[in-house]
Protein backbone atom coordinates (compact mmCIF):
# COMPACT_ATOMS: atom_id res chain seq x y z
CA MET A 1 -0.02 0.14 0.09
CA ASN A 2 2.89 2.36 0.71
CA VAL A 3 4.27 1.83 -2.81
CA PHE A 4 0.59 2.68 -4.25
CA PHE A 5 0.30 5.86 -2.11
CA ARG A 6 3.63 6.99 -3.42
CA TYR A 7 2.30 7.02 -6.81
CA PHE A 8 -1.00 8.19 -5.80
CA LYS A 9 0.29 11.29 -3.90
CA PRO A 10 0.90 13.70 -6.74
CA TYR A 11 -2.87 13.33 -7.93
CA ALA A 12 -4.20 13.74 -4.24
CA LEU A 13 -5.77 17.24 -5.18
CA SER A 14 -7.29 15.71 -8.23
CA PHE A 15 -8.90 12.69 -6.25
CA MET A 16 -10.14 15.50 -3.60
CA ALA A 17 -11.71 17.29 -6.57
CA ALA A 18 -13.28 13.94 -7.96
CA VAL A 19 -14.90 13.11 -4.45
CA ALA A 20 -16.41 16.66 -4.13
CA LEU A 21 -17.94 16.13 -7.74
CA LEU A 22 -18.99 12.55 -6.81
CA SER A 23 -20.74 13.97 -3.76
CA ALA A 24 -22.60 16.55 -5.69
CA GLN A 25 -23.62 14.09 -8.30
CA ALA A 26 -24.95 11.67 -5.47
CA TYR A 27 -26.94 14.49 -3.88
CA CYS A 28 -28.55 15.46 -7.15
CA ASP A 29 -29.35 11.72 -8.16
CA LEU A 30 -30.81 11.25 -4.70
CA ALA A 31 -32.96 14.39 -4.81
CA LEU A 32 -34.38 13.63 -8.26
CA PRO A 33 -37.11 10.79 -6.82
CA ASP A 34 -38.35 13.57 -4.25
CA PHE A 35 -38.91 16.01 -6.98
CA MET A 36 -40.85 13.22 -8.88
CA SER A 37 -42.99 12.28 -5.82
CA ASP A 38 -43.93 16.06 -5.40
CA ILE A 39 -44.82 16.20 -9.21
CA ILE A 40 -47.31 13.28 -8.70
CA ASN A 41 -48.70 14.32 -5.23
CA ARG A 42 -49.04 18.10 -5.92
CA GLY A 43 -49.12 18.32 -9.50
CA ILE A 44 -50.67 15.49 -11.29
CA THR A 45 -53.22 14.54 -8.32
CA ALA A 46 -54.11 18.40 -8.11
CA GLY A 47 -54.06 19.05 -11.86
CA ASN A 48 -51.63 21.63 -11.06
CA THR A 49 -49.82 22.33 -14.39
CA ALA A 50 -47.84 25.17 -13.50
CA TYR A 51 -46.27 23.43 -10.63
CA ILE A 52 -45.61 20.34 -12.68
CA PHE A 53 -43.70 22.48 -15.29
CA LYS A 54 -41.83 24.45 -12.28
CA THR A 55 -40.84 21.22 -10.65
CA GLY A 56 -39.96 19.68 -13.97
CA MET A 57 -37.56 22.45 -14.84
CA GLN A 58 -35.81 22.04 -11.49
CA MET A 59 -35.34 18.31 -12.21
CA LEU A 60 -34.07 19.32 -15.51
CA GLY A 61 -31.33 21.51 -13.93
CA ILE A 62 -30.44 18.73 -11.27
CA ALA A 63 -30.04 16.31 -13.99
CA LEU A 64 -27.78 18.56 -15.98
CA ILE A 65 -25.69 19.17 -13.04
CA SER A 66 -25.31 15.57 -12.41
CA ALA A 67 -24.32 15.07 -16.09
CA CYS A 68 -21.56 17.70 -15.84
CA CYS A 69 -20.22 16.30 -12.55
CA THR A 70 -20.05 12.78 -14.29
CA ILE A 71 -18.19 14.09 -17.25
CA LEU A 72 -15.71 15.88 -15.18
CA VAL A 73 -15.15 12.82 -12.82
CA GLY A 74 -14.57 10.69 -15.88
CA PHE A 75 -12.04 13.03 -17.19
CA ILE A 76 -10.42 13.36 -13.86
CA GLY A 77 -10.22 9.60 -13.29
CA ALA A 78 -8.71 9.12 -16.79
CA ARG A 79 -6.07 11.59 -16.28
CA MET A 80 -5.16 10.14 -12.81
CA ALA A 81 -5.15 6.34 -14.22
CA ALA A 82 -3.03 7.31 -17.25
CA GLY A 83 -0.61 9.38 -15.10
CA ILE A 84 -0.10 6.74 -12.36
CA SER A 85 0.21 3.83 -14.92
CA ARG A 86 2.89 5.91 -16.96
CA ASN A 87 5.06 6.47 -13.90
CA LEU A 88 4.53 3.12 -12.75
CA ARG A 89 5.57 1.49 -16.10
CA GLN A 90 8.53 3.77 -16.31
CA ASP A 91 9.80 2.86 -12.83
CA VAL A 92 9.09 -0.93 -13.42
CA PHE A 93 11.07 -0.70 -16.86
CA THR A 94 14.00 1.02 -15.09
CA LYS A 95 14.09 -1.51 -12.40
CA ILE A 96 14.04 -4.38 -15.04
CA GLU A 97 17.17 -2.62 -16.79
CA SER A 98 19.09 -3.06 -13.60
CA PHE A 99 18.41 -6.80 -13.32
CA SER A 100 21.18 -9.27 -13.51
CA SER A 101 21.40 -12.33 -15.65
CA ALA A 102 20.12 -14.60 -12.79
CA GLU A 103 17.23 -12.33 -12.04
CA MET A 104 16.29 -12.04 -15.64
CA GLU A 105 16.21 -15.86 -15.61
CA LYS A 106 14.28 -15.86 -12.50
CA TYR A 107 11.38 -13.74 -13.78
CA SER A 108 11.79 -14.71 -17.37
CA THR A 109 11.37 -12.02 -20.25
CA SER A 110 7.88 -13.00 -21.11
CA SER A 111 6.80 -12.50 -17.50
CA LEU A 112 8.56 -9.20 -17.32
CA ILE A 113 6.71 -8.07 -20.60
CA THR A 114 3.43 -9.12 -19.07
CA ARG A 115 4.21 -7.12 -15.96
CA THR A 116 5.04 -3.92 -17.79
CA THR A 117 2.14 -4.14 -20.25
CA ASN A 118 -1.01 -6.29 -19.20
CA ASP A 119 -0.65 -5.95 -15.50
CA ILE A 120 -0.09 -2.35 -15.38
CA THR A 121 -3.05 -1.85 -17.77
CA GLN A 122 -5.16 -3.79 -15.28
CA ILE A 123 -4.15 -1.32 -12.65
CA GLN A 124 -5.05 1.58 -14.74
CA GLN A 125 -8.52 0.21 -15.35
CA LEU A 126 -8.99 -0.56 -11.61
CA ILE A 127 -7.94 3.15 -10.90
CA VAL A 128 -10.52 4.57 -13.32
CA MET A 129 -13.31 2.29 -11.70
CA MET A 130 -12.11 3.22 -8.18
CA VAL A 131 -12.28 6.88 -8.83
CA ARG A 132 -15.56 6.71 -10.63
CA LEU A 133 -17.28 4.17 -8.24
CA VAL A 134 -15.68 3.62 -4.83
CA ILE A 135 -17.00 6.92 -3.60
CA TYR A 136 -20.12 7.21 -5.51
CA ALA A 137 -21.64 3.65 -4.99
CA PRO A 138 -21.37 3.69 -1.03
CA ILE A 139 -23.00 7.36 -0.99
CA MET A 140 -25.86 6.10 -3.35
CA GLY A 141 -26.43 2.93 -1.33
CA ILE A 142 -26.46 4.56 2.19
CA GLY A 143 -28.32 7.61 0.79
CA GLY A 144 -30.97 5.54 -0.87
CA VAL A 145 -31.57 3.41 2.26
CA LEU A 146 -32.00 6.75 4.44
CA HIS A 147 -34.27 8.35 1.76
CA ALA A 148 -36.43 5.06 1.32
CA LEU A 149 -36.83 4.67 5.14
CA GLU A 150 -37.81 8.41 5.30
CA LYS A 151 -40.54 7.70 2.81
CA ASP A 152 -41.88 4.74 4.56
CA SER A 153 -40.20 2.44 7.26
CA SER A 154 -42.96 -0.24 6.94
CA MET A 155 -41.45 -1.85 3.64
CA SER A 156 -37.83 -1.91 4.89
CA TRP A 157 -37.98 -5.58 4.62
CA ILE A 158 -38.17 -5.26 1.01
CA ILE A 159 -34.74 -3.50 0.81
CA ALA A 160 -33.28 -5.94 3.42
CA LEU A 161 -34.62 -8.77 0.99
CA ALA A 162 -33.27 -7.20 -2.02
CA VAL A 163 -29.90 -6.38 -0.65
CA ALA A 164 -29.43 -10.17 0.70
CA LEU A 165 -30.39 -11.41 -2.69
CA MET A 166 -27.57 -9.21 -4.35
CA LEU A 167 -24.98 -10.22 -1.66
CA ILE A 168 -25.63 -13.77 -2.37
CA LEU A 169 -25.25 -13.35 -6.11
CA ILE A 170 -22.18 -11.09 -5.78
CA GLY A 171 -20.67 -13.66 -3.38
CA SER A 172 -21.39 -16.57 -5.63
CA ILE A 173 -19.76 -14.78 -8.66
CA MET A 174 -16.69 -13.87 -6.74
CA VAL A 175 -16.21 -17.44 -5.47
CA VAL A 176 -16.32 -18.74 -9.12
CA VAL A 177 -14.65 -16.10 -11.10
CA MET A 178 -11.99 -14.56 -9.08
CA PRO A 179 -9.73 -17.90 -9.19
CA ARG A 180 -10.28 -17.82 -12.95
CA PHE A 181 -9.27 -14.22 -13.17
CA GLN A 182 -5.88 -15.07 -11.52
CA PHE A 183 -5.51 -17.95 -13.92
CA VAL A 184 -6.17 -15.62 -16.95
CA GLN A 185 -3.10 -13.50 -15.87
CA LYS A 186 -0.86 -16.75 -15.56
CA LEU A 187 -2.16 -17.75 -19.15
CA VAL A 188 -1.22 -14.23 -20.47
CA ASP A 189 2.16 -14.76 -19.25
CA ARG A 190 2.51 -18.24 -20.71
CA LEU A 191 1.13 -17.15 -23.98
CA ASN A 192 3.82 -14.40 -24.21
CA LEU A 193 6.48 -16.83 -23.39
CA VAL A 194 5.48 -19.19 -26.12
CA THR A 195 5.01 -16.37 -28.59
CA ARG A 196 8.50 -15.00 -27.81
CA GLU A 197 10.19 -18.25 -28.06
CA GLY A 198 8.61 -18.92 -31.38
CA LEU A 199 9.58 -15.38 -32.73
CA ASP A 200 13.20 -15.53 -31.45
CA GLY A 201 13.68 -19.09 -32.74
CA THR A 202 12.26 -18.58 -36.22
CA LEU A 203 15.51 -19.77 -37.90
CA VAL A 204 15.89 -22.71 -35.88
CA ILE A 205 12.44 -23.90 -36.13
CA ARG A 206 12.68 -23.59 -39.86
CA ALA A 207 16.05 -25.39 -39.86
CA PHE A 208 14.56 -28.44 -38.12
CA ASN A 209 11.10 -28.11 -39.80
CA THR A 210 9.18 -27.99 -36.53
CA GLN A 211 6.76 -25.54 -37.62
CA LYS A 212 3.72 -27.69 -37.07
CA PHE A 213 4.93 -28.47 -33.47
CA GLU A 214 5.35 -24.90 -32.62
CA GLU A 215 1.87 -24.17 -34.06
CA LYS A 216 0.26 -26.71 -31.85
CA ARG A 217 2.27 -25.51 -28.85
CA PHE A 218 0.75 -22.04 -29.52
CA ASP A 219 -2.73 -23.25 -30.34
CA LYS A 220 -2.84 -25.14 -26.98
CA VAL A 221 -1.86 -22.11 -24.83
CA ASN A 222 -4.14 -19.88 -27.01
CA ALA A 223 -7.17 -22.29 -26.64
CA ARG A 224 -6.86 -22.33 -22.64
CA LEU A 225 -6.64 -18.62 -22.61
CA THR A 226 -9.63 -18.38 -24.72
CA GLN A 227 -11.78 -21.05 -22.98
CA THR A 228 -10.99 -19.23 -19.45
CA ASN A 229 -11.98 -15.80 -20.75
CA LEU A 230 -14.98 -17.24 -22.33
CA PHE A 231 -16.08 -18.98 -19.01
CA VAL A 232 -15.21 -15.82 -17.06
CA ASN A 233 -17.34 -13.30 -19.41
CA ARG A 234 -20.26 -15.85 -19.55
CA VAL A 235 -20.58 -15.79 -15.78
CA ILE A 236 -20.06 -11.97 -15.56
CA SER A 237 -22.63 -11.60 -18.47
CA GLY A 238 -25.20 -13.44 -16.58
CA MET A 239 -24.88 -11.08 -13.57
CA MET A 240 -26.56 -8.16 -15.43
CA PRO A 241 -29.61 -10.14 -16.38
CA THR A 242 -29.97 -11.50 -12.91
CA MET A 243 -29.62 -8.15 -11.31
CA MET A 244 -32.17 -6.89 -13.63
CA LEU A 245 -34.59 -9.75 -12.65
CA ILE A 246 -33.99 -8.93 -9.00
CA MET A 247 -34.78 -5.08 -9.63
CA ASN A 248 -37.92 -6.05 -11.55
CA LEU A 249 -39.03 -8.34 -9.09
CA THR A 250 -38.38 -5.95 -6.22
CA SER A 251 -40.32 -3.24 -8.25
CA LEU A 252 -43.38 -5.54 -8.52
CA LEU A 253 -43.28 -6.28 -4.77
CA ILE A 254 -43.09 -2.61 -3.93
CA VAL A 255 -46.12 -1.94 -6.28
CA TRP A 256 -48.11 -4.93 -4.68
CA VAL A 257 -47.30 -3.79 -0.99
CA GLY A 258 -47.43 -0.09 -1.62
CA SER A 259 -50.74 -0.29 -3.53
CA LYS A 260 -52.43 -1.67 -0.39
CA ALA A 261 -50.98 0.97 1.61
CA VAL A 262 -52.09 3.66 -0.99
CA SER A 263 -55.66 2.24 -0.96
CA GLY A 264 -55.55 2.43 2.81
CA PHE A 265 -54.51 5.91 2.73
CA LYS A 266 -51.31 5.17 4.39
CA MET A 267 -49.15 6.28 1.65
CA GLN A 268 -49.52 8.71 -1.51
CA VAL A 269 -48.89 7.38 -4.89
CA GLY A 270 -45.88 9.77 -5.42
CA ASP A 271 -44.15 8.53 -2.34
CA MET A 272 -44.47 4.96 -3.53
CA MET A 273 -42.92 5.83 -6.82
CA ALA A 274 -40.15 7.70 -4.88
CA TYR A 275 -39.62 4.55 -2.82
CA MET A 276 -39.30 2.45 -5.93
CA GLN A 277 -36.66 4.61 -7.26
CA TYR A 278 -34.65 4.72 -4.04
CA VAL A 279 -34.67 0.83 -4.01
CA MET A 280 -33.61 0.87 -7.54
CA GLN A 281 -30.74 3.17 -6.58
CA ILE A 282 -29.56 0.83 -3.78
CA ILE A 283 -29.47 -2.11 -6.02
CA LEU A 284 -27.61 -0.14 -8.63
CA ALA A 285 -25.06 0.92 -5.95
CA PHE A 286 -24.47 -2.89 -5.28
CA LEU A 287 -24.12 -3.48 -8.94
CA MET A 288 -21.30 -0.84 -8.99
CA MET A 289 -19.68 -2.34 -6.07
CA ALA A 290 -19.79 -5.90 -7.79
CA VAL A 291 -18.33 -4.51 -11.00
CA MET A 292 -15.55 -3.02 -8.84
């Protein structure tokens, strides 16, 4: 961690600016369902067109502010990630140049190539996601829970049920996928080794007529990498439909329970719709954390 913070330190101000923008974005996103609730309760129900137009314009302004914050955070995150990865890649390359022959044999050239290219690219992608999601997702999750409970605490069990299902799904995916992700890194290293050996020994391979053997050797490693990547991507791609299923079932449950509260004059229609939006924001926050 000390090494990471050493590279992160020059971008501390940029990160603080990103945190401020993300907080503003989360505040705007959490405020929108309240405006929608007011439009339904005070505008549509009462037939007050002027109030609908006025509140709608306020919602539009807040949405524009949120969009501007999103764009600026994306720009800051990309610059931070590119700068940190550039410095890290430069230092790794400088360190490798100082290696002795014994150290080069210990790590192997292909492994060092993977470390300076693919591995640092993974770190760069992580930093971009971290800047955009690691602050925003918890704020949305916690803020969504607080706003939902403020609207109606009697349906808090629906939030607990949705969160429990999300945690089970995320935990199951992590148990299955994480070991395969680590294996992918090793296979990329192995593929680089086979490719480099084939290219460096082209003259020898042609002299001994072992082209077919080298092709089979490359195809074997390439096929294992392809199959592992396909498995990982299939599991990850199945996460989104499952998340959407949980979201839709939760929405139906809120409408079913909330409609009874509305018919019993215990809740207004606008509050039920706002409650639904907050629960969706909570689920999306868990989805962001799962992606992270």
